[in-house]
PDB file of N, CA and C in Angstrom:
ATOM      1  N   GLN A   1      63.445  47.356  65.385  1.00  0.00           N
ATOM      2  CA  GLN A   1      61.891  47.181  65.300  1.00  0.00           C
ATOM      3  C   GLN A   1      61.123  47.193  66.646  1.00  0.00           C
ATOM      4  N   LEU A   2      60.403  48.071  66.916  1.00  0.00           N
ATOM      5  CA  LEU A   2      59.721  48.136  68.384  1.00  0.00           C
ATOM      6  C   LEU A   2      58.834  46.853  68.788  1.00  0.00           C
ATOM      7  N   GLN A   3      59.282  46.270  69.862  1.00  0.00           N
ATOM      8  CA  GLN A   3      58.487  44.864  69.927  1.00  0.00           C
ATOM      9  C   GLN A   3      58.115  44.661  71.638  1.00  0.00           C
ATOM     10  N   LEU A   4      57.037  44.073  71.861  1.00  0.00           N
ATOM     11  CA  LEU A   4      56.749  43.853  73.350  1.00  0.00           C
ATOM     12  C   LEU A   4      56.355  42.491  73.298  1.00  0.00           C
ATOM     13  N   VAL A   5      56.751  41.519  74.018  1.00  0.00           N
ATOM     14  CA  VAL A   5      56.416  40.109  74.336  1.00  0.00           C
ATOM     15  C   VAL A   5      56.138  39.769  75.315  1.00  0.00           C
ATOM     16  N   GLU A   6      54.842  39.415  75.752  1.00  0.00           N
ATOM     17  CA  GLU A   6      54.489  38.717  76.892  1.00  0.00           C
ATOM     18  C   GLU A   6      54.731  37.452  77.165  1.00  0.00           C
ATOM     19  N   SER A   7      54.653  37.008  78.251  1.00  0.00           N
ATOM     20  CA  SER A   7      54.964  35.569  78.836  1.00  0.00           C
ATOM     21  C   SER A   7      54.605  35.491  80.151  1.00  0.00           C
ATOM     22  N   GLY A   8      54.462  34.135  80.648  1.00  0.00           N
ATOM     23  CA  GLY A   8      53.855  33.794  81.951  1.00  0.00           C
ATOM     24  C   GLY A   8      52.641  33.234  82.285  1.00  0.00           C
ATOM     25  N   GLY A   9      51.895  33.304  81.274  1.00  0.00           N
ATOM     26  CA  GLY A   9      50.500  32.719  81.307  1.00  0.00           C
ATOM     27  C   GLY A   9      50.283  31.364  81.294  1.00  0.00           C
ATOM     28  N   GLY A  10      49.232  30.823  81.645  1.00  0.00           N
ATOM     29  CA  GLY A  10      49.014  29.453  81.768  1.00  0.00           C
ATOM     30  C   GLY A  10      47.618  29.203  82.683  1.00  0.00           C
ATOM     31  N   LEU A  11      47.728  27.985  82.912  1.00  0.00           N
ATOM     32  CA  LEU A  11      46.414  27.294  83.560  1.00  0.00           C
ATOM     33  C   LEU A  11      46.510  27.303  85.058  1.00  0.00           C
ATOM     34  N   VAL A  12      45.853  27.940  86.080  1.00  0.00           N
ATOM     35  CA  VAL A  12      46.093  28.040  87.436  1.00  0.00           C
ATOM     36  C   VAL A  12      44.515  27.768  88.269  1.00  0.00           C
ATOM     37  N   GLN A  13      44.816  27.271  89.212  1.00  0.00           N
ATOM     38  CA  GLN A  13      43.527  26.802  90.112  1.00  0.00           C
ATOM     39  C   GLN A  13      43.070  28.376  90.671  1.00  0.00           C
ATOM     40  N   PRO A  14      41.975  28.430  91.081  1.00  0.00           N
ATOM     41  CA  PRO A  14      41.439  29.571  91.771  1.00  0.00           C
ATOM     42  C   PRO A  14      42.256  29.609  93.116  1.00  0.00           C
ATOM     43  N   GLY A  15      42.454  31.027  93.651  1.00  0.00           N
ATOM     44  CA  GLY A  15      43.434  31.077  94.509  1.00  0.00           C
ATOM     45  C   GLY A  15      44.840  31.123  94.126  1.00  0.00           C
ATOM     46  N   GLY A  16      45.219  30.622  93.056  1.00  0.00           N
ATOM     47  CA  GLY A  16      46.594  30.699  92.789  1.00  0.00           C
ATOM     48  C   GLY A  16      47.354  31.971  92.345  1.00  0.00           C
ATOM     49  N   SER A  17      48.530  31.804  91.811  1.00  0.00           N
ATOM     50  CA  SER A  17      49.148  33.004  91.337  1.00  0.00           C
ATOM     51  C   SER A  17      50.020  32.798  90.173  1.00  0.00           C
ATOM     52  N   LEU A  18      50.149  34.010  89.398  1.00  0.00           N
ATOM     53  CA  LEU A  18      51.032  33.768  88.177  1.00  0.00           C
ATOM     54  C   LEU A  18      51.853  35.240  88.111  1.00  0.00           C
ATOM     55  N   ARG A  19      52.831  35.153  87.311  1.00  0.00           N
ATOM     56  CA  ARG A  19      53.452  36.516  87.062  1.00  0.00           C
ATOM     57  C   ARG A  19      53.834  36.604  85.774  1.00  0.00           C
ATOM     58  N   LEU A  20      53.061  37.754  85.038  1.00  0.00           N
ATOM     59  CA  LEU A  20      53.348  37.943  83.868  1.00  0.00           C
ATOM     60  C   LEU A  20      54.582  38.619  83.596  1.00  0.00           C
ATOM     61  N   SER A  21      55.132  38.746  82.314  1.00  0.00           N
ATOM     62  CA  SER A  21      56.220  39.416  81.925  1.00  0.00           C
ATOM     63  C   SER A  21      56.052  40.167  80.719  1.00  0.00           C
ATOM     64  N   CYS A  22      56.495  41.256  80.680  1.00  0.00           N
ATOM     65  CA  CYS A  22      56.336  41.940  79.218  1.00  0.00           C
ATOM     66  C   CYS A  22      57.822  42.618  78.852  1.00  0.00           C
ATOM     67  N   ALA A  23      58.585  42.117  78.020  1.00  0.00           N
ATOM     68  CA  ALA A  23      59.649  42.357  77.686  1.00  0.00           C
ATOM     69  C   ALA A  23      59.892  43.104  76.424  1.00  0.00           C
ATOM     70  N   ALA A  24      60.589  44.251  76.392  1.00  0.00           N
ATOM     71  CA  ALA A  24      60.663  44.923  75.249  1.00  0.00           C
ATOM     72  C   ALA A  24      61.876  44.989  74.556  1.00  0.00           C
ATOM     73  N   SER A  25      61.652  45.000  73.156  1.00  0.00           N
ATOM     74  CA  SER A  25      62.930  45.008  72.299  1.00  0.00           C
ATOM     75  C   SER A  25      62.918  46.208  71.240  1.00  0.00           C
ATOM     76  N   GLY A  26      64.016  46.755  70.850  1.00  0.00           N
ATOM     77  CA  GLY A  26      63.931  48.099  69.998  1.00  0.00           C
ATOM     78  C   GLY A  26      63.835  49.347  70.527  1.00  0.00           C
ATOM     79  N   PHE A  27      63.409  49.334  71.837  1.00  0.00           N
ATOM     80  CA  PHE A  27      63.082  50.639  72.593  1.00  0.00           C
ATOM     81  C   PHE A  27      63.480  50.385  74.044  1.00  0.00           C
ATOM     82  N   THR A  28      63.455  51.638  74.870  1.00  0.00           N
ATOM     83  CA  THR A  28      63.859  51.427  76.220  1.00  0.00           C
ATOM     84  C   THR A  28      62.480  51.693  76.865  1.00  0.00           C
ATOM     85  N   LEU A  29      61.857  50.602  77.824  1.00  0.00           N
ATOM     86  CA  LEU A  29      60.825  50.835  78.329  1.00  0.00           C
ATOM     87  C   LEU A  29      60.572  51.960  79.337  1.00  0.00           C
ATOM     88  N   ASP A  30      61.566  52.228  80.151  1.00  0.00           N
ATOM     89  CA  ASP A  30      61.712  53.172  81.214  1.00  0.00           C
ATOM     90  C   ASP A  30      61.154  54.683  80.758  1.00  0.00           C
ATOM     91  N   TYR A  31      61.150  54.857  79.523  1.00  0.00           N
ATOM     92  CA  TYR A  31      60.571  56.081  78.939  1.00  0.00           C
ATOM     93  C   TYR A  31      59.157  56.153  78.916  1.00  0.00           C
ATOM     94  N   TYR A  32      58.446  55.083  78.750  1.00  0.00           N
ATOM     95  CA  TYR A  32      56.973  55.134  78.457  1.00  0.00           C
ATOM     96  C   TYR A  32      56.343  54.503  79.744  1.00  0.00           C
ATOM     97  N   PRO A  33      54.964  55.061  79.646  1.00  0.00           N
ATOM     98  CA  PRO A  33      53.965  54.370  80.613  1.00  0.00           C
ATOM     99  C   PRO A  33      53.627  53.120  79.904  1.00  0.00           C
ATOM    100  N   ILE A  34      53.516  52.072  80.936  1.00  0.00           N
ATOM    101  CA  ILE A  34      53.388  50.851  80.342  1.00  0.00           C
ATOM    102  C   ILE A  34      52.065  50.255  81.208  1.00  0.00           C
ATOM    103  N   GLY A  35      51.214  49.365  80.441  1.00  0.00           N
ATOM    104  CA  GLY A  35      49.921  48.997  81.071  1.00  0.00           C
ATOM    105  C   GLY A  35      49.635  47.542  80.720  1.00  0.00           C
ATOM    106  N   TRP A  36      49.048  47.135  81.707  1.00  0.00           N
ATOM    107  CA  TRP A  36      48.459  45.748  81.470  1.00  0.00           C
ATOM    108  C   TRP A  36      47.108  45.603  81.052  1.00  0.00           C
ATOM    109  N   PHE A  37      46.341  44.962  80.216  1.00  0.00           N
ATOM    110  CA  PHE A  37      45.024  44.816  80.004  1.00  0.00           C
ATOM    111  C   PHE A  37      44.630  43.466  79.480  1.00  0.00           C
ATOM    112  N   ARG A  38      43.383  43.252  79.558  1.00  0.00           N
ATOM    113  CA  ARG A  38      42.847  42.025  79.361  1.00  0.00           C
ATOM    114  C   ARG A  38      41.701  41.687  78.511  1.00  0.00           C
ATOM    115  N   GLN A  39      41.464  40.671  77.866  1.00  0.00           N
ATOM    116  CA  GLN A  39      40.212  40.836  77.131  1.00  0.00           C
ATOM    117  C   GLN A  39      39.873  39.399  77.325  1.00  0.00           C
ATOM    118  N   ALA A  40      38.447  39.224  77.720  1.00  0.00           N
ATOM    119  CA  ALA A  40      37.811  37.872  77.761  1.00  0.00           C
ATOM    120  C   ALA A  40      36.972  37.753  76.592  1.00  0.00           C
ATOM    121  N   PRO A  41      36.606  36.553  76.289  1.00  0.00           N
ATOM    122  CA  PRO A  41      35.736  36.347  75.223  1.00  0.00           C
ATOM    123  C   PRO A  41      34.481  37.007  75.282  1.00  0.00           C
ATOM    124  N   GLY A  42      34.224  37.850  74.280  1.00  0.00           N
ATOM    125  CA  GLY A  42      32.898  38.316  74.435  1.00  0.00           C
ATOM    126  C   GLY A  42      32.751  39.820  75.004  1.00  0.00           C
ATOM    127  N   LYS A  43      33.968  39.972  75.664  1.00  0.00           N
ATOM    128  CA  LYS A  43      33.928  41.305  76.451  1.00  0.00           C
ATOM    129  C   LYS A  43      34.881  42.343  75.954  1.00  0.00           C
ATOM    130  N   GLU A  44      34.788  43.450  76.072  1.00  0.00           N
ATOM    131  CA  GLU A  44      35.551  44.364  75.685  1.00  0.00           C
ATOM    132  C   GLU A  44      37.034  44.343  76.420  1.00  0.00           C
ATOM    133  N   ARG A  45      38.081  44.912  75.919  1.00  0.00           N
ATOM    134  CA  ARG A  45      39.351  45.046  76.612  1.00  0.00           C
ATOM    135  C   ARG A  45      39.331  46.056  77.808  1.00  0.00           C
ATOM    136  N   GLU A  46      39.764  45.655  78.827  1.00  0.00           N
ATOM    137  CA  GLU A  46      39.851  46.633  80.018  1.00  0.00           C
ATOM    138  C   GLU A  46      41.205  46.620  80.517  1.00  0.00           C
ATOM    139  N   GLY A  47      41.428  47.957  81.143  1.00  0.00           N
ATOM    140  CA  GLY A  47      43.013  48.135  81.716  1.00  0.00           C
ATOM    141  C   GLY A  47      42.838  47.607  83.030  1.00  0.00           C
ATOM    142  N   VAL A  48      43.798  46.615  83.240  1.00  0.00           N
ATOM    143  CA  VAL A  48      44.114  45.874  84.466  1.00  0.00           C
ATOM    144  C   VAL A  48      44.880  46.922  85.285  1.00  0.00           C
ATOM    145  N   SER A  49      45.972  47.212  84.989  1.00  0.00           N
ATOM    146  CA  SER A  49      47.048  48.115  85.911  1.00  0.00           C
ATOM    147  C   SER A  49      47.888  48.824  85.101  1.00  0.00           C
ATOM    148  N   CYS A  50      48.605  49.942  85.172  1.00  0.00           N
ATOM    149  CA  CYS A  50      49.367  50.769  84.446  1.00  0.00           C
ATOM    150  C   CYS A  50      50.308  51.407  85.530  1.00  0.00           C
ATOM    151  N   ILE A  51      51.514  51.606  84.941  1.00  0.00           N
ATOM    152  CA  ILE A  51      52.724  52.229  85.460  1.00  0.00           C
ATOM    153  C   ILE A  51      53.318  53.095  85.032  1.00  0.00           C
ATOM    154  N   ALA A  52      53.690  54.380  85.611  1.00  0.00           N
ATOM    155  CA  ALA A  52      54.107  55.501  84.983  1.00  0.00           C
ATOM    156  C   ALA A  52      55.648  55.505  84.733  1.00  0.00           C
ATOM    157  N   SER A  53      56.115  56.189  83.766  1.00  0.00           N
ATOM    158  CA  SER A  53      57.479  56.155  83.308  1.00  0.00           C
ATOM    159  C   SER A  53      58.369  56.903  84.211  1.00  0.00           C
ATOM    160  N   SER A  54      57.895  58.004  84.846  1.00  0.00           N
ATOM    161  CA  SER A  54      58.459  59.023  85.580  1.00  0.00           C
ATOM    162  C   SER A  54      58.695  58.651  87.124  1.00  0.00           C
ATOM    163  N   ASP A  55      57.644  58.531  87.706  1.00  0.00           N
ATOM    164  CA  ASP A  55      57.773  58.340  89.259  1.00  0.00           C
ATOM    165  C   ASP A  55      57.208  57.055  89.793  1.00  0.00           C
ATOM    166  N   GLY A  56      56.770  56.162  88.693  1.00  0.00           N
ATOM    167  CA  GLY A  56      56.701  54.814  89.238  1.00  0.00           C
ATOM    168  C   GLY A  56      55.044  54.585  89.916  1.00  0.00           C
ATOM    169  N   SER A  57      54.387  55.917  89.632  1.00  0.00           N
ATOM    170  CA  SER A  57      53.065  55.937  90.166  1.00  0.00           C
ATOM    171  C   SER A  57      52.214  54.678  89.413  1.00  0.00           C
ATOM    172  N   THR A  58      51.341  54.266  90.066  1.00  0.00           N
ATOM    173  CA  THR A  58      50.551  53.070  89.517  1.00  0.00           C
ATOM    174  C   THR A  58      49.023  53.253  89.599  1.00  0.00           C
ATOM    175  N   TYR A  59      48.284  52.461  88.825  1.00  0.00           N
ATOM    176  CA  TYR A  59      46.766  52.540  88.693  1.00  0.00           C
ATOM    177  C   TYR A  59      46.275  51.187  88.615  1.00  0.00           C
ATOM    178  N   TYR A  60      45.336  50.793  89.364  1.00  0.00           N
ATOM    179  CA  TYR A  60      44.694  49.470  89.384  1.00  0.00           C
ATOM    180  C   TYR A  60      43.090  49.664  89.104  1.00  0.00           C
ATOM    181  N   ALA A  61      42.793  48.573  88.353  1.00  0.00           N
ATOM    182  CA  ALA A  61      41.475  48.377  88.129  1.00  0.00           C
ATOM    183  C   ALA A  61      40.791  48.110  89.537  1.00  0.00           C
ATOM    184  N   ASN A  62      39.506  48.280  89.843  1.00  0.00           N
ATOM    185  CA  ASN A  62      38.966  48.001  91.246  1.00  0.00           C
ATOM    186  C   ASN A  62      38.967  46.567  91.279  1.00  0.00           C
ATOM    187  N   SER A  63      38.726  46.024  90.380  1.00  0.00           N
ATOM    188  CA  SER A  63      38.421  44.479  90.340  1.00  0.00           C
ATOM    189  C   SER A  63      39.883  43.505  90.623  1.00  0.00           C
ATOM    190  N   VAL A  64      40.991  44.318  90.708  1.00  0.00           N
ATOM    191  CA  VAL A  64      42.339  43.702  90.757  1.00  0.00           C
ATOM    192  C   VAL A  64      43.041  44.063  92.094  1.00  0.00           C
ATOM    193  N   LYS A  65      42.562  45.259  92.569  1.00  0.00           N
ATOM    194  CA  LYS A  65      43.186  46.076  93.673  1.00  0.00           C
ATOM    195  C   LYS A  65      43.406  44.921  94.888  1.00  0.00           C
ATOM    196  N   GLY A  66      44.669  45.159  95.444  1.00  0.00           N
ATOM    197  CA  GLY A  66      44.826  44.255  96.614  1.00  0.00           C
ATOM    198  C   GLY A  66      45.284  42.775  96.169  1.00  0.00           C
ATOM    199  N   ARG A  67      45.085  42.438  94.996  1.00  0.00           N
ATOM    200  CA  ARG A  67      45.379  41.128  94.451  1.00  0.00           C
ATOM    201  C   ARG A  67      46.653  41.304  93.367  1.00  0.00           C
ATOM    202  N   PHE A  68      46.607  42.376  92.563  1.00  0.00           N
ATOM    203  CA  PHE A  68      47.738  42.317  91.519  1.00  0.00           C
ATOM    204  C   PHE A  68      48.740  43.438  91.855  1.00  0.00           C
ATOM    205  N   THR A  69      49.849  43.280  91.379  1.00  0.00           N
ATOM    206  CA  THR A  69      51.091  44.308  91.632  1.00  0.00           C
ATOM    207  C   THR A  69      51.646  44.457  90.460  1.00  0.00           C
ATOM    208  N   ILE A  70      51.855  45.637  89.740  1.00  0.00           N
ATOM    209  CA  ILE A  70      52.587  45.958  88.750  1.00  0.00           C
ATOM    210  C   ILE A  70      54.034  46.439  89.075  1.00  0.00           C
ATOM    211  N   SER A  71      54.960  46.182  88.325  1.00  0.00           N
ATOM    212  CA  SER A  71      56.132  46.773  88.600  1.00  0.00           C
ATOM    213  C   SER A  71      57.437  46.643  87.368  1.00  0.00           C
ATOM    214  N   ARG A  72      58.309  47.448  87.445  1.00  0.00           N
ATOM    215  CA  ARG A  72      59.286  47.388  86.243  1.00  0.00           C
ATOM    216  C   ARG A  72      60.591  47.245  86.669  1.00  0.00           C
ATOM    217  N   ASP A  73      61.207  46.524  85.852  1.00  0.00           N
ATOM    218  CA  ASP A  73      62.640  46.415  86.048  1.00  0.00           C
ATOM    219  C   ASP A  73      63.419  47.147  84.896  1.00  0.00           C
ATOM    220  N   ASN A  74      63.837  48.327  85.002  1.00  0.00           N
ATOM    221  CA  ASN A  74      64.376  49.123  83.669  1.00  0.00           C
ATOM    222  C   ASN A  74      65.828  48.311  83.513  1.00  0.00           C
ATOM    223  N   ALA A  75      66.680  47.794  84.257  1.00  0.00           N
ATOM    224  CA  ALA A  75      67.795  47.160  84.003  1.00  0.00           C
ATOM    225  C   ALA A  75      67.553  46.027  82.739  1.00  0.00           C
ATOM    226  N   LYS A  76      66.180  45.384  83.226  1.00  0.00           N
ATOM    227  CA  LYS A  76      65.966  44.058  82.185  1.00  0.00           C
ATOM    228  C   LYS A  76      64.800  44.556  81.130  1.00  0.00           C
ATOM    229  N   ASN A  77      64.660  45.829  81.213  1.00  0.00           N
ATOM    230  CA  ASN A  77      63.619  46.260  80.287  1.00  0.00           C
ATOM    231  C   ASN A  77      62.314  45.531  80.263  1.00  0.00           C
ATOM    232  N   THR A  78      61.877  45.307  81.320  1.00  0.00           N
ATOM    233  CA  THR A  78      60.633  44.407  81.747  1.00  0.00           C
ATOM    234  C   THR A  78      59.796  45.036  82.481  1.00  0.00           C
ATOM    235  N   VAL A  79      58.605  44.882  82.302  1.00  0.00           N
ATOM    236  CA  VAL A  79      57.444  45.072  83.427  1.00  0.00           C
ATOM    237  C   VAL A  79      56.532  43.920  83.654  1.00  0.00           C
ATOM    238  N   TYR A  80      56.477  43.732  85.107  1.00  0.00           N
ATOM    239  CA  TYR A  80      55.683  42.429  85.613  1.00  0.00           C
ATOM    240  C   TYR A  80      54.372  42.649  86.026  1.00  0.00           C
ATOM    241  N   LEU A  81      53.737  41.784  85.814  1.00  0.00           N
ATOM    242  CA  LEU A  81      52.495  41.864  86.617  1.00  0.00           C
ATOM    243  C   LEU A  81      52.122  40.580  87.564  1.00  0.00           C
ATOM    244  N   GLN A  82      52.270  40.686  88.808  1.00  0.00           N
ATOM    245  CA  GLN A  82      52.378  39.557  89.855  1.00  0.00           C
ATOM    246  C   GLN A  82      50.758  39.435  90.196  1.00  0.00           C
ATOM    247  N   MET A  83      50.304  38.274  89.998  1.00  0.00           N
ATOM    248  CA  MET A  83      48.700  38.284  90.260  1.00  0.00           C
ATOM    249  C   MET A  83      48.518  37.102  91.210  1.00  0.00           C
ATOM    250  N   ASN A  84      47.879  37.579  92.368  1.00  0.00           N
ATOM    251  CA  ASN A  84      47.676  36.562  93.325  1.00  0.00           C
ATOM    252  C   ASN A  84      46.067  36.451  93.695  1.00  0.00           C
ATOM    253  N   SER A  85      46.032  35.489  94.394  1.00  0.00           N
ATOM    254  CA  SER A  85      44.459  35.022  94.546  1.00  0.00           C
ATOM    255  C   SER A  85      43.525  35.407  93.443  1.00  0.00           C
ATOM    256  N   LEU A  86      44.070  34.608  92.277  1.00  0.00           N
ATOM    257  CA  LEU A  86      43.450  34.450  90.981  1.00  0.00           C
ATOM    258  C   LEU A  86      41.868  33.869  91.194  1.00  0.00           C
ATOM    259  N   LYS A  87      40.989  34.557  90.213  1.00  0.00           N
ATOM    260  CA  LYS A  87      39.512  34.218  90.462  1.00  0.00           C
ATOM    261  C   LYS A  87      39.274  33.854  89.041  1.00  0.00           C
ATOM    262  N   PRO A  88      38.208  32.847  88.698  1.00  0.00           N
ATOM    263  CA  PRO A  88      37.680  32.354  87.614  1.00  0.00           C
ATOM    264  C   PRO A  88      37.492  33.503  86.552  1.00  0.00           C
ATOM    265  N   GLU A  89      37.124  34.753  87.221  1.00  0.00           N
ATOM    266  CA  GLU A  89      36.826  35.892  86.293  1.00  0.00           C
ATOM    267  C   GLU A  89      37.802  36.703  85.694  1.00  0.00           C
ATOM    268  N   ASP A  90      38.981  36.212  86.318  1.00  0.00           N
ATOM    269  CA  ASP A  90      40.252  36.842  85.927  1.00  0.00           C
ATOM    270  C   ASP A  90      40.605  36.086  84.341  1.00  0.00           C
ATOM    271  N   THR A  91      40.070  35.330  84.055  1.00  0.00           N
ATOM    272  CA  THR A  91      40.628  34.318  82.953  1.00  0.00           C
ATOM    273  C   THR A  91      40.124  35.479  81.734  1.00  0.00           C
ATOM    274  N   ALA A  92      41.426  35.393  80.750  1.00  0.00           N
ATOM    275  CA  ALA A  92      41.202  36.407  79.705  1.00  0.00           C
ATOM    276  C   ALA A  92      42.713  36.329  78.771  1.00  0.00           C
ATOM    277  N   VAL A  93      42.690  36.996  77.567  1.00  0.00           N
ATOM    278  CA  VAL A  93      44.146  36.966  77.102  1.00  0.00           C
ATOM    279  C   VAL A  93      44.622  38.368  77.781  1.00  0.00           C
ATOM    280  N   TYR A  94      45.776  38.438  78.235  1.00  0.00           N
ATOM    281  CA  TYR A  94      46.411  39.572  79.062  1.00  0.00           C
ATOM    282  C   TYR A  94      47.474  40.133  78.012  1.00  0.00           C
ATOM    283  N   TYR A  95      47.504  41.460  77.628  1.00  0.00           N
ATOM    284  CA  TYR A  95      48.452  42.110  76.802  1.00  0.00           C
ATOM    285  C   TYR A  95      48.901  43.416  77.604  1.00  0.00           C
ATOM    286  N   CYS A  96      50.466  43.622  77.219  1.00  0.00           N
ATOM    287  CA  CYS A  96      50.873  44.664  77.607  1.00  0.00           C
ATOM    288  C   CYS A  96      51.142  45.780  76.579  1.00  0.00           C
ATOM    289  N   ALA A  97      51.089  47.005  77.009  1.00  0.00           N
ATOM    290  CA  ALA A  97      51.109  48.289  75.863  1.00  0.00           C
ATOM    291  C   ALA A  97      52.035  49.071  76.511  1.00  0.00           C
ATOM    292  N   ALA A  98      52.786  50.002  75.671  1.00  0.00           N
ATOM    293  CA  ALA A  98      53.481  51.013  75.905  1.00  0.00           C
ATOM    294  C   ALA A  98      52.574  52.338  75.167  1.00  0.00           C
ATOM    295  N   ALA A  99      52.699  53.572  75.831  1.00  0.00           N
ATOM    296  CA  ALA A  99      52.258  54.476  75.431  1.00  0.00           C
ATOM    297  C   ALA A  99      53.045  55.745  75.210  1.00  0.00           C
ATOM    298  N   HIS A 100      52.944  56.669  74.331  1.00  0.00           N
ATOM    299  CA  HIS A 100      53.988  57.811  74.051  1.00  0.00           C
ATOM    300  C   HIS A 100      53.917  58.729  75.260  1.00  0.00           C
ATOM    301  N   THR A 101      52.578  59.287  75.246  1.00  0.00           N
ATOM    302  CA  THR A 101      52.344  60.198  76.386  1.00  0.00           C
ATOM    303  C   THR A 101      50.947  60.178  77.052  1.00  0.00           C
ATOM    304  N   THR A 102      50.645  59.972  78.299  1.00  0.00           N
ATOM    305  CA  THR A 102      49.583  59.720  78.923  1.00  0.00           C
ATOM    306  C   THR A 102      49.674  59.610  80.314  1.00  0.00           C
ATOM    307  N   THR A 103      48.492  60.006  81.168  1.00  0.00           N
ATOM    308  CA  THR A 103      48.663  59.261  82.613  1.00  0.00           C
ATOM    309  C   THR A 103      48.282  57.932  82.740  1.00  0.00           C
ATOM    310  N   VAL A 104      48.621  57.259  83.898  1.00  0.00           N
ATOM    311  CA  VAL A 104      48.432  55.989  84.071  1.00  0.00           C
ATOM    312  C   VAL A 104      46.987  55.536  84.184  1.00  0.00           C
ATOM    313  N   GLN A 105      46.372  56.791  84.807  1.00  0.00           N
ATOM    314  CA  GLN A 105      44.808  56.499  84.881  1.00  0.00           C
ATOM    315  C   GLN A 105      44.123  56.459  83.626  1.00  0.00           C
ATOM    316  N   ALA A 106      44.651  57.508  82.715  1.00  0.00           N
ATOM    317  CA  ALA A 106      43.618  57.676  81.502  1.00  0.00           C
ATOM    318  C   ALA A 106      44.304  56.292  80.503  1.00  0.00           C
ATOM    319  N   MET A 107      45.457  56.012  80.531  1.00  0.00           N
ATOM    320  CA  MET A 107      45.965  54.965  79.707  1.00  0.00           C
ATOM    321  C   MET A 107      44.947  53.572  80.263  1.00  0.00           C
ATOM    322  N   CYS A 108      44.908  53.228  81.482  1.00  0.00           N
ATOM    323  CA  CYS A 108      43.987  52.188  81.853  1.00  0.00           C
ATOM    324  C   CYS A 108      42.646  52.331  81.641  1.00  0.00           C
ATOM    325  N   VAL A 109      42.164  53.426  82.117  1.00  0.00           N
ATOM    326  CA  VAL A 109      40.485  53.508  81.975  1.00  0.00           C
ATOM    327  C   VAL A 109      40.229  53.626  80.522  1.00  0.00           C
ATOM    328  N   SER A 110      40.914  54.289  79.514  1.00  0.00           N
ATOM    329  CA  SER A 110      40.592  54.237  78.115  1.00  0.00           C
ATOM    330  C   SER A 110      41.241  52.804  77.397  1.00  0.00           C
ATOM    331  N   ALA A 111      42.040  52.131  78.344  1.00  0.00           N
ATOM    332  CA  ALA A 111      42.519  50.837  77.509  1.00  0.00           C
ATOM    333  C   ALA A 111      43.168  51.065  76.279  1.00  0.00           C
ATOM    334  N   SER A 112      44.205  52.198  76.228  1.00  0.00           N
ATOM    335  CA  SER A 112      44.828  52.524  75.019  1.00  0.00           C
ATOM    336  C   SER A 112      46.114  52.457  75.037  1.00  0.00           C
ATOM    337  N   GLY A 113      46.964  52.383  73.920  1.00  0.00           N
ATOM    338  CA  GLY A 113      48.481  52.130  74.027  1.00  0.00           C
ATOM    339  C   GLY A 113      48.876  52.278  72.557  1.00  0.00           C
ATOM    340  N   ASP A 114      50.050  52.656  72.327  1.00  0.00           N
ATOM    341  CA  ASP A 114      50.547  52.826  71.044  1.00  0.00           C
ATOM    342  C   ASP A 114      51.401  51.546  70.652  1.00  0.00           C
ATOM    343  N   TYR A 115      52.007  50.873  71.514  1.00  0.00           N
ATOM    344  CA  TYR A 115      52.709  49.459  71.143  1.00  0.00           C
ATOM    345  C   TYR A 115      52.091  48.376  71.711  1.00  0.00           C
ATOM    346  N   TRP A 116      51.777  47.225  71.272  1.00  0.00           N
ATOM    347  CA  TRP A 116      51.114  46.057  71.855  1.00  0.00           C
ATOM    348  C   TRP A 116      51.920  45.005  71.518  1.00  0.00           C
ATOM    349  N   GLY A 117      51.988  44.110  72.449  1.00  0.00           N
ATOM    350  CA  GLY A 117      52.529  42.694  72.424  1.00  0.00           C
ATOM    351  C   GLY A 117      51.175  41.976  71.955  1.00  0.00           C
ATOM    352  N   GLN A 118      51.590  40.609  71.705  1.00  0.00           N
ATOM    353  CA  GLN A 118      50.686  39.464  71.340  1.00  0.00           C
ATOM    354  C   GLN A 118      49.821  39.038  72.116  1.00  0.00           C
ATOM    355  N   GLY A 119      49.723  38.902  73.454  1.00  0.00           N
ATOM    356  CA  GLY A 119      49.071  38.498  74.312  1.00  0.00           C
ATOM    357  C   GLY A 119      49.454  37.081  74.943  1.00  0.00           C
ATOM    358  N   THR A 120      49.090  36.857  76.183  1.00  0.00           N
ATOM    359  CA  THR A 120      49.445  35.608  76.824  1.00  0.00           C
ATOM    360  C   THR A 120      47.959  35.114  77.586  1.00  0.00           C
ATOM    361  N   GLN A 121      47.527  33.803  77.291  1.00  0.00           N
ATOM    362  CA  GLN A 121      46.257  33.496  77.962  1.00  0.00           C
ATOM    363  C   GLN A 121      46.634  33.301  79.346  1.00  0.00           C
ATOM    364  N   VAL A 122      45.644  33.760  80.158  1.00  0.00           N
ATOM    365  CA  VAL A 122      45.618  33.214  81.587  1.00  0.00           C
ATOM    366  C   VAL A 122      44.241  32.609  81.843  1.00  0.00           C
ATOM    367  N   THR A 123      44.121  31.291  82.406  1.00  0.00           N
ATOM    368  CA  THR A 123      42.885  30.622  82.687  1.00  0.00           C
ATOM    369  C   THR A 123      43.001  30.160  84.203  1.00  0.00           C
ATOM    370  N   VAL A 124      42.105  30.638  84.697  1.00  0.00           N
ATOM    371  CA  VAL A 124      41.653  30.240  86.118  1.00  0.00           C
ATOM    372  C   VAL A 124      40.704  29.405  86.214  1.00  0.00           C
ATOM    373  N   SER A 125      41.103  28.138  86.659  1.00  0.00           N
ATOM    374  CA  SER A 125      39.756  27.001  86.564  1.00  0.00           C
ATOM    375  C   SER A 125      40.391  26.061  87.687  1.00  0.00           C
ATOM    376  N   SER A 126      39.348  25.301  88.056  1.00  0.00           N
ATOM    377  CA  SER A 126      39.622  24.145  88.809  1.00  0.00           C
ATOM    378  C   SER A 126      39.419  22.756  88.061  1.00  0.00           C
TER     379      SER A 126
END
């Protein structure tokens, strides 16, 4: 059974940091482009950051460039999202997803994927 499980969310003050993890079971993540997405109440899901399976190239939404870093540890079958300098507008449920074939830009811009995790809540508030 293919499964993605996110963890690492929580409540953090503005300016703080969190690291989200996306662990896979039932399949090998390094064969797939992986993306992080978020959805805030009343808003559409948006692509935050995506990473390629082949060359490790990455894509970031403009709103998170310079603050978030996506990485993958193939030995642990896990993809991470390091989030620094968090802002209240980063508050959302964060999801990771894997896609069969796509570019990282297409995956993030269209906020699409084939396998999804259940999401983890990130709340940035003082």
